[in-house]
Amino acid sequence: LGQTVLGFQLSIPQIVVTIAFCATLELAV
């Protein structure tokens, strides 16, 4: 909704990279 109708000042890579980084760090720990 933020990317389509709510006008979030946020990019798709900012979302995906943050999630992927967190997942990778948690997997490693």
PDB file of all heavy atoms in Angstrom:
ATOM      1  N   LEU A   1       0.832  -1.205   0.000  1.00  0.00           N
ATOM      2  CA  LEU A   1       0.000   0.000   0.000  1.00  0.00           C
ATOM      3  C   LEU A   1       0.868   1.257   0.000  1.00  0.00           C
ATOM      4  O   LEU A   1       0.556   2.251  -0.666  1.00  0.00           O
ATOM      5  CB  LEU A   1      -0.920   0.005   1.227  1.00  0.00           C
ATOM      6  CG  LEU A   1      -2.090  -0.980   1.212  1.00  0.00           C
ATOM      7  CD1 LEU A   1      -2.816  -0.956   2.548  1.00  0.00           C
ATOM      8  CD2 LEU A   1      -3.058  -0.647   0.083  1.00  0.00           C
ATOM      9  N   GLY A   2       1.982   1.207   0.746  1.00  0.00           N
ATOM     10  CA  GLY A   2       2.877   2.358   0.789  1.00  0.00           C
ATOM     11  C   GLY A   2       3.501   2.668  -0.551  1.00  0.00           C
ATOM     12  O   GLY A   2       3.670   3.835  -0.928  1.00  0.00           O
ATOM     13  N   GLN A   3       3.838   1.644  -1.310  1.00  0.00           N
ATOM     14  CA  GLN A   3       4.454   1.829  -2.618  1.00  0.00           C
ATOM     15  C   GLN A   3       3.438   2.225  -3.692  1.00  0.00           C
ATOM     16  O   GLN A   3       3.810   2.808  -4.713  1.00  0.00           O
ATOM     17  CB  GLN A   3       5.155   0.540  -3.040  1.00  0.00           C
ATOM     18  CG  GLN A   3       6.374   0.186  -2.207  1.00  0.00           C
ATOM     19  CD  GLN A   3       7.508   1.172  -2.362  1.00  0.00           C
ATOM     20  OE1 GLN A   3       7.904   1.531  -3.462  1.00  0.00           O
ATOM     21  NE2 GLN A   3       8.034   1.653  -1.247  1.00  0.00           N
ATOM     22  N   THR A   4       2.162   1.924  -3.465  1.00  0.00           N
ATOM     23  CA  THR A   4       1.156   2.159  -4.508  1.00  0.00           C
ATOM     24  C   THR A   4       0.276   3.370  -4.236  1.00  0.00           C
ATOM     25  O   THR A   4       0.161   4.258  -5.086  1.00  0.00           O
ATOM     26  CB  THR A   4       0.283   0.907  -4.684  1.00  0.00           C
ATOM     27  OG1 THR A   4      -0.285   0.528  -3.409  1.00  0.00           O
ATOM     28  CG2 THR A   4       1.103  -0.250  -5.234  1.00  0.00           C
ATOM     29  N   VAL A   5      -0.361   3.441  -3.062  1.00  0.00           N
ATOM     30  CA  VAL A   5      -1.368   4.486  -2.841  1.00  0.00           C
ATOM     31  C   VAL A   5      -1.082   5.411  -1.666  1.00  0.00           C
ATOM     32  O   VAL A   5      -1.721   6.461  -1.539  1.00  0.00           O
ATOM     33  CB  VAL A   5      -2.772   3.862  -2.657  1.00  0.00           C
ATOM     34  CG1 VAL A   5      -3.208   3.164  -3.921  1.00  0.00           C
ATOM     35  CG2 VAL A   5      -2.813   2.918  -1.462  1.00  0.00           C
ATOM     36  N   LEU A   6      -0.133   5.052  -0.796  1.00  0.00           N
ATOM     37  CA  LEU A   6       0.122   5.886   0.384  1.00  0.00           C
ATOM     38  C   LEU A   6       1.299   6.837   0.200  1.00  0.00           C
ATOM     39  O   LEU A   6       1.564   7.663   1.060  1.00  0.00           O
ATOM     40  CB  LEU A   6       0.364   5.006   1.617  1.00  0.00           C
ATOM     41  CG  LEU A   6      -0.863   4.239   2.140  1.00  0.00           C
ATOM     42  CD1 LEU A   6      -0.475   3.328   3.287  1.00  0.00           C
ATOM     43  CD2 LEU A   6      -1.961   5.205   2.576  1.00  0.00           C
ATOM     44  N   GLY A   7       2.026   6.719  -0.889  1.00  0.00           N
ATOM     45  CA  GLY A   7       3.094   7.665  -1.189  1.00  0.00           C
ATOM     46  C   GLY A   7       4.300   7.598  -0.281  1.00  0.00           C
ATOM     47  O   GLY A   7       4.937   8.621  -0.013  1.00  0.00           O
ATOM     48  N   PHE A   8       4.649   6.403   0.203  1.00  0.00           N
ATOM     49  CA  PHE A   8       5.820   6.275   1.076  1.00  0.00           C
ATOM     50  C   PHE A   8       7.079   6.736   0.343  1.00  0.00           C
ATOM     51  O   PHE A   8       7.299   6.380  -0.812  1.00  0.00           O
ATOM     52  CB  PHE A   8       6.006   4.830   1.513  1.00  0.00           C
ATOM     53  CG  PHE A   8       5.097   4.382   2.622  1.00  0.00           C
ATOM     54  CD1 PHE A   8       4.101   5.213   3.113  1.00  0.00           C
ATOM     55  CD2 PHE A   8       5.235   3.126   3.179  1.00  0.00           C
ATOM     56  CE1 PHE A   8       3.266   4.807   4.135  1.00  0.00           C
ATOM     57  CE2 PHE A   8       4.406   2.706   4.202  1.00  0.00           C
ATOM     58  CZ  PHE A   8       3.420   3.536   4.684  1.00  0.00           C
ATOM     59  N   GLN A   9       7.906   7.500   1.043  1.00  0.00           N
ATOM     60  CA  GLN A   9       9.200   7.931   0.503  1.00  0.00           C
ATOM     61  C   GLN A   9      10.223   6.825   0.753  1.00  0.00           C
ATOM     62  O   GLN A   9      11.149   6.974   1.550  1.00  0.00           O
ATOM     63  CB  GLN A   9       9.610   9.250   1.145  1.00  0.00           C
ATOM     64  CG  GLN A   9       8.664  10.401   0.827  1.00  0.00           C
ATOM     65  CD  GLN A   9       8.915  11.596   1.712  1.00  0.00           C
ATOM     66  OE1 GLN A   9       8.350  11.717   2.801  1.00  0.00           O
ATOM     67  NE2 GLN A   9       9.780  12.493   1.265  1.00  0.00           N
ATOM     68  N   LEU A  10      10.058   5.733   0.045  1.00  0.00           N
ATOM     69  CA  LEU A  10      10.794   4.510   0.301  1.00  0.00           C
ATOM     70  C   LEU A  10      10.926   3.749  -1.011  1.00  0.00           C
ATOM     71  O   LEU A  10       9.988   3.715  -1.807  1.00  0.00           O
ATOM     72  CB  LEU A  10      10.022   3.660   1.331  1.00  0.00           C
ATOM     73  CG  LEU A  10      10.640   2.364   1.810  1.00  0.00           C
ATOM     74  CD1 LEU A  10      11.863   2.637   2.683  1.00  0.00           C
ATOM     75  CD2 LEU A  10       9.603   1.551   2.588  1.00  0.00           C
ATOM     76  N   SER A  11      12.103   3.158  -1.228  1.00  0.00           N
ATOM     77  CA  SER A  11      12.318   2.404  -2.473  1.00  0.00           C
ATOM     78  C   SER A  11      12.196   0.911  -2.214  1.00  0.00           C
ATOM     79  O   SER A  11      12.314   0.440  -1.073  1.00  0.00           O
ATOM     80  CB  SER A  11      13.695   2.724  -3.052  1.00  0.00           C
ATOM     81  OG  SER A  11      14.713   2.121  -2.270  1.00  0.00           O
ATOM     82  N   ILE A  12      12.019   0.161  -3.281  1.00  0.00           N
ATOM     83  CA  ILE A  12      11.937  -1.295  -3.173  1.00  0.00           C
ATOM     84  C   ILE A  12      13.260  -1.891  -2.681  1.00  0.00           C
ATOM     85  O   ILE A  12      13.260  -2.752  -1.795  1.00  0.00           O
ATOM     86  CB  ILE A  12      11.495  -1.903  -4.512  1.00  0.00           C
ATOM     87  CG1 ILE A  12      10.056  -1.473  -4.825  1.00  0.00           C
ATOM     88  CG2 ILE A  12      11.594  -3.436  -4.488  1.00  0.00           C
ATOM     89  CD1 ILE A  12       9.575  -1.843  -6.207  1.00  0.00           C
ATOM     90  N   PRO A  13      14.427  -1.458  -3.207  1.00  0.00           N
ATOM     91  CA  PRO A  13      15.685  -1.999  -2.672  1.00  0.00           C
ATOM     92  C   PRO A  13      15.907  -1.687  -1.189  1.00  0.00           C
ATOM     93  O   PRO A  13      16.502  -2.509  -0.478  1.00  0.00           O
ATOM     94  CB  PRO A  13      16.756  -1.313  -3.534  1.00  0.00           C
ATOM     95  CG  PRO A  13      16.066  -1.018  -4.813  1.00  0.00           C
ATOM     96  CD  PRO A  13      14.665  -0.648  -4.412  1.00  0.00           C
ATOM     97  N   GLN A  14      15.445  -0.522  -0.718  1.00  0.00           N
ATOM     98  CA  GLN A  14      15.587  -0.231   0.702  1.00  0.00           C
ATOM     99  C   GLN A  14      14.846  -1.262   1.544  1.00  0.00           C
ATOM    100  O   GLN A  14      15.308  -1.637   2.629  1.00  0.00           O
ATOM    101  CB  GLN A  14      15.077   1.184   1.004  1.00  0.00           C
ATOM    102  CG  GLN A  14      15.995   2.287   0.505  1.00  0.00           C
ATOM    103  CD  GLN A  14      15.359   3.663   0.600  1.00  0.00           C
ATOM    104  OE1 GLN A  14      14.146   3.806   0.698  1.00  0.00           O
ATOM    105  NE2 GLN A  14      16.194   4.702   0.575  1.00  0.00           N
ATOM    106  N   ILE A  15      13.708  -1.718   1.051  1.00  0.00           N
ATOM    107  CA  ILE A  15      12.946  -2.747   1.757  1.00  0.00           C
ATOM    108  C   ILE A  15      13.643  -4.101   1.651  1.00  0.00           C
ATOM    109  O   ILE A  15      13.938  -4.756   2.653  1.00  0.00           O
ATOM    110  CB  ILE A  15      11.515  -2.852   1.190  1.00  0.00           C
ATOM    111  CG1 ILE A  15      10.776  -1.528   1.318  1.00  0.00           C
ATOM    112  CG2 ILE A  15      10.744  -3.974   1.889  1.00  0.00           C
ATOM    113  CD1 ILE A  15       9.443  -1.500   0.587  1.00  0.00           C
ATOM    114  N   VAL A  16      13.922  -4.506   0.413  1.00  0.00           N
ATOM    115  CA  VAL A  16      14.431  -5.860   0.162  1.00  0.00           C
ATOM    116  C   VAL A  16      15.825  -6.066   0.754  1.00  0.00           C
ATOM    117  O   VAL A  16      16.098  -7.090   1.388  1.00  0.00           O
ATOM    118  CB  VAL A  16      14.432  -6.144  -1.357  1.00  0.00           C
ATOM    119  CG1 VAL A  16      15.099  -7.485  -1.645  1.00  0.00           C
ATOM    120  CG2 VAL A  16      13.012  -6.129  -1.901  1.00  0.00           C
ATOM    121  N   VAL A  17      16.703  -5.093   0.571  1.00  0.00           N
ATOM    122  CA  VAL A  17      18.075  -5.228   1.077  1.00  0.00           C
ATOM    123  C   VAL A  17      18.084  -5.286   2.603  1.00  0.00           C
ATOM    124  O   VAL A  17      18.820  -6.081   3.202  1.00  0.00           O
ATOM    125  CB  VAL A  17      18.959  -4.074   0.561  1.00  0.00           C
ATOM    126  CG1 VAL A  17      20.318  -4.088   1.243  1.00  0.00           C
ATOM    127  CG2 VAL A  17      19.132  -4.170  -0.950  1.00  0.00           C
ATOM    128  N   THR A  18      17.252  -4.469   3.249  1.00  0.00           N
ATOM    129  CA  THR A  18      17.196  -4.480   4.715  1.00  0.00           C
ATOM    130  C   THR A  18      16.713  -5.826   5.228  1.00  0.00           C
ATOM    131  O   THR A  18      17.285  -6.395   6.172  1.00  0.00           O
ATOM    132  CB  THR A  18      16.272  -3.358   5.226  1.00  0.00           C
ATOM    133  OG1 THR A  18      16.701  -2.109   4.701  1.00  0.00           O
ATOM    134  CG2 THR A  18      16.300  -3.301   6.753  1.00  0.00           C
ATOM    135  N   ILE A  19      15.662  -6.370   4.615  1.00  0.00           N
ATOM    136  CA  ILE A  19      15.147  -7.676   5.034  1.00  0.00           C
ATOM    137  C   ILE A  19      16.197  -8.765   4.787  1.00  0.00           C
ATOM    138  O   ILE A  19      16.446  -9.614   5.662  1.00  0.00           O
ATOM    139  CB  ILE A  19      13.845  -7.999   4.289  1.00  0.00           C
ATOM    140  CG1 ILE A  19      12.736  -7.028   4.711  1.00  0.00           C
ATOM    141  CG2 ILE A  19      13.412  -9.440   4.552  1.00  0.00           C
ATOM    142  CD1 ILE A  19      11.457  -7.177   3.913  1.00  0.00           C
ATOM    143  N   ALA A  20      16.812  -8.754   3.604  1.00  0.00           N
ATOM    144  CA  ALA A  20      17.813  -9.775   3.275  1.00  0.00           C
ATOM    145  C   ALA A  20      19.013  -9.696   4.217  1.00  0.00           C
ATOM    146  O   ALA A  20      19.548 -10.734   4.646  1.00  0.00           O
ATOM    147  CB  ALA A  20      18.263  -9.608   1.823  1.00  0.00           C
ATOM    148  N   PHE A  21      19.435  -8.472   4.561  1.00  0.00           N
ATOM    149  CA  PHE A  21      20.569  -8.315   5.465  1.00  0.00           C
ATOM    150  C   PHE A  21      20.237  -8.883   6.846  1.00  0.00           C
ATOM    151  O   PHE A  21      21.039  -9.603   7.446  1.00  0.00           O
ATOM    152  CB  PHE A  21      20.932  -6.831   5.578  1.00  0.00           C
ATOM    153  CG  PHE A  21      22.057  -6.551   6.532  1.00  0.00           C
ATOM    154  CD1 PHE A  21      23.375  -6.715   6.147  1.00  0.00           C
ATOM    155  CD2 PHE A  21      21.806  -6.112   7.823  1.00  0.00           C
ATOM    156  CE1 PHE A  21      24.423  -6.463   7.026  1.00  0.00           C
ATOM    157  CE2 PHE A  21      22.836  -5.850   8.713  1.00  0.00           C
ATOM    158  CZ  PHE A  21      24.153  -6.032   8.308  1.00  0.00           C
ATOM    159  N   CYS A  22      19.050  -8.553   7.351  1.00  0.00           N
ATOM    160  CA  CYS A  22      18.643  -9.064   8.664  1.00  0.00           C
ATOM    161  C   CYS A  22      18.569 -10.590   8.653  1.00  0.00           C
ATOM    162  O   CYS A  22      19.039 -11.254   9.592  1.00  0.00           O
ATOM    163  CB  CYS A  22      17.286  -8.481   9.055  1.00  0.00           C
ATOM    164  SG  CYS A  22      17.321  -6.758   9.579  1.00  0.00           S
ATOM    165  N   ALA A  23      17.977 -11.146   7.589  1.00  0.00           N
ATOM    166  CA  ALA A  23      17.849 -12.600   7.505  1.00  0.00           C
ATOM    167  C   ALA A  23      19.227 -13.276   7.464  1.00  0.00           C
ATOM    168  O   ALA A  23      19.460 -14.281   8.150  1.00  0.00           O
ATOM    169  CB  ALA A  23      17.041 -12.971   6.267  1.00  0.00           C
ATOM    170  N   THR A  24      20.139 -12.719   6.681  1.00  0.00           N
ATOM    171  CA  THR A  24      21.473 -13.299   6.565  1.00  0.00           C
ATOM    172  C   THR A  24      22.233 -13.224   7.880  1.00  0.00           C
ATOM    173  O   THR A  24      22.874 -14.204   8.306  1.00  0.00           O
ATOM    174  CB  THR A  24      22.270 -12.571   5.471  1.00  0.00           C
ATOM    175  OG1 THR A  24      21.564 -12.655   4.225  1.00  0.00           O
ATOM    176  CG2 THR A  24      23.654 -13.178   5.308  1.00  0.00           C
ATOM    177  N   LEU A  25      22.139 -12.077   8.557  1.00  0.00           N
ATOM    178  CA  LEU A  25      22.835 -11.908   9.832  1.00  0.00           C
ATOM    179  C   LEU A  25      22.290 -12.875  10.879  1.00  0.00           C
ATOM    180  O   LEU A  25      23.057 -13.513  11.610  1.00  0.00           O
ATOM    181  CB  LEU A  25      22.702 -10.461  10.309  1.00  0.00           C
ATOM    182  CG  LEU A  25      23.448 -10.086  11.596  1.00  0.00           C
ATOM    183  CD1 LEU A  25      24.936 -10.370  11.458  1.00  0.00           C
ATOM    184  CD2 LEU A  25      23.224  -8.606  11.929  1.00  0.00           C
ATOM    185  N   GLU A  26      20.978 -13.018  10.932  1.00  0.00           N
ATOM    186  CA  GLU A  26      20.381 -13.937  11.906  1.00  0.00           C
ATOM    187  C   GLU A  26      20.739 -15.386  11.597  1.00  0.00           C
ATOM    188  O   GLU A  26      21.038 -16.175  12.503  1.00  0.00           O
ATOM    189  CB  GLU A  26      18.860 -13.769  11.926  1.00  0.00           C
ATOM    190  CG  GLU A  26      18.160 -14.746  12.829  1.00  0.00           C
ATOM    191  CD  GLU A  26      17.502 -14.090  14.016  1.00  0.00           C
ATOM    192  OE1 GLU A  26      18.138 -13.235  14.668  1.00  0.00           O
ATOM    193  OE2 GLU A  26      16.358 -14.429  14.303  1.00  0.00           O
ATOM    194  N   LEU A  27      20.733 -15.754  10.317  1.00  0.00           N
ATOM    195  CA  LEU A  27      21.132 -17.110   9.935  1.00  0.00           C
ATOM    196  C   LEU A  27      22.562 -17.396  10.380  1.00  0.00           C
ATOM    197  O   LEU A  27      22.858 -18.479  10.909  1.00  0.00           O
ATOM    198  CB  LEU A  27      20.996 -17.287   8.425  1.00  0.00           C
ATOM    199  CG  LEU A  27      19.616 -17.637   7.876  1.00  0.00           C
ATOM    200  CD1 LEU A  27      19.611 -17.528   6.362  1.00  0.00           C
ATOM    201  CD2 LEU A  27      19.192 -19.036   8.318  1.00  0.00           C
ATOM    202  N   ALA A  28      23.443 -16.421  10.168  1.00  0.00           N
ATOM    203  CA  ALA A  28      24.851 -16.611  10.524  1.00  0.00           C
ATOM    204  C   ALA A  28      25.023 -16.766  12.031  1.00  0.00           C
ATOM    205  O   ALA A  28      25.744 -17.660  12.499  1.00  0.00           O
ATOM    206  CB  ALA A  28      25.671 -15.424  10.015  1.00  0.00           C
ATOM    207  N   VAL A  29      24.353 -15.899  12.805  1.00  0.00           N
ATOM    208  CA  VAL A  29      24.489 -15.965  14.268  1.00  0.00           C
ATOM    209  C   VAL A  29      23.899 -17.266  14.802  1.00  0.00           C
ATOM    210  O   VAL A  29      24.490 -17.930  15.666  1.00  0.00           O
ATOM    211  CB  VAL A  29      23.812 -14.745  14.915  1.00  0.00           C
ATOM    212  CG1 VAL A  29      23.774 -14.901  16.429  1.00  0.00           C
ATOM    213  CG2 VAL A  29      24.533 -13.466  14.536  1.00  0.00           C
TER     214      VAL A  29
END
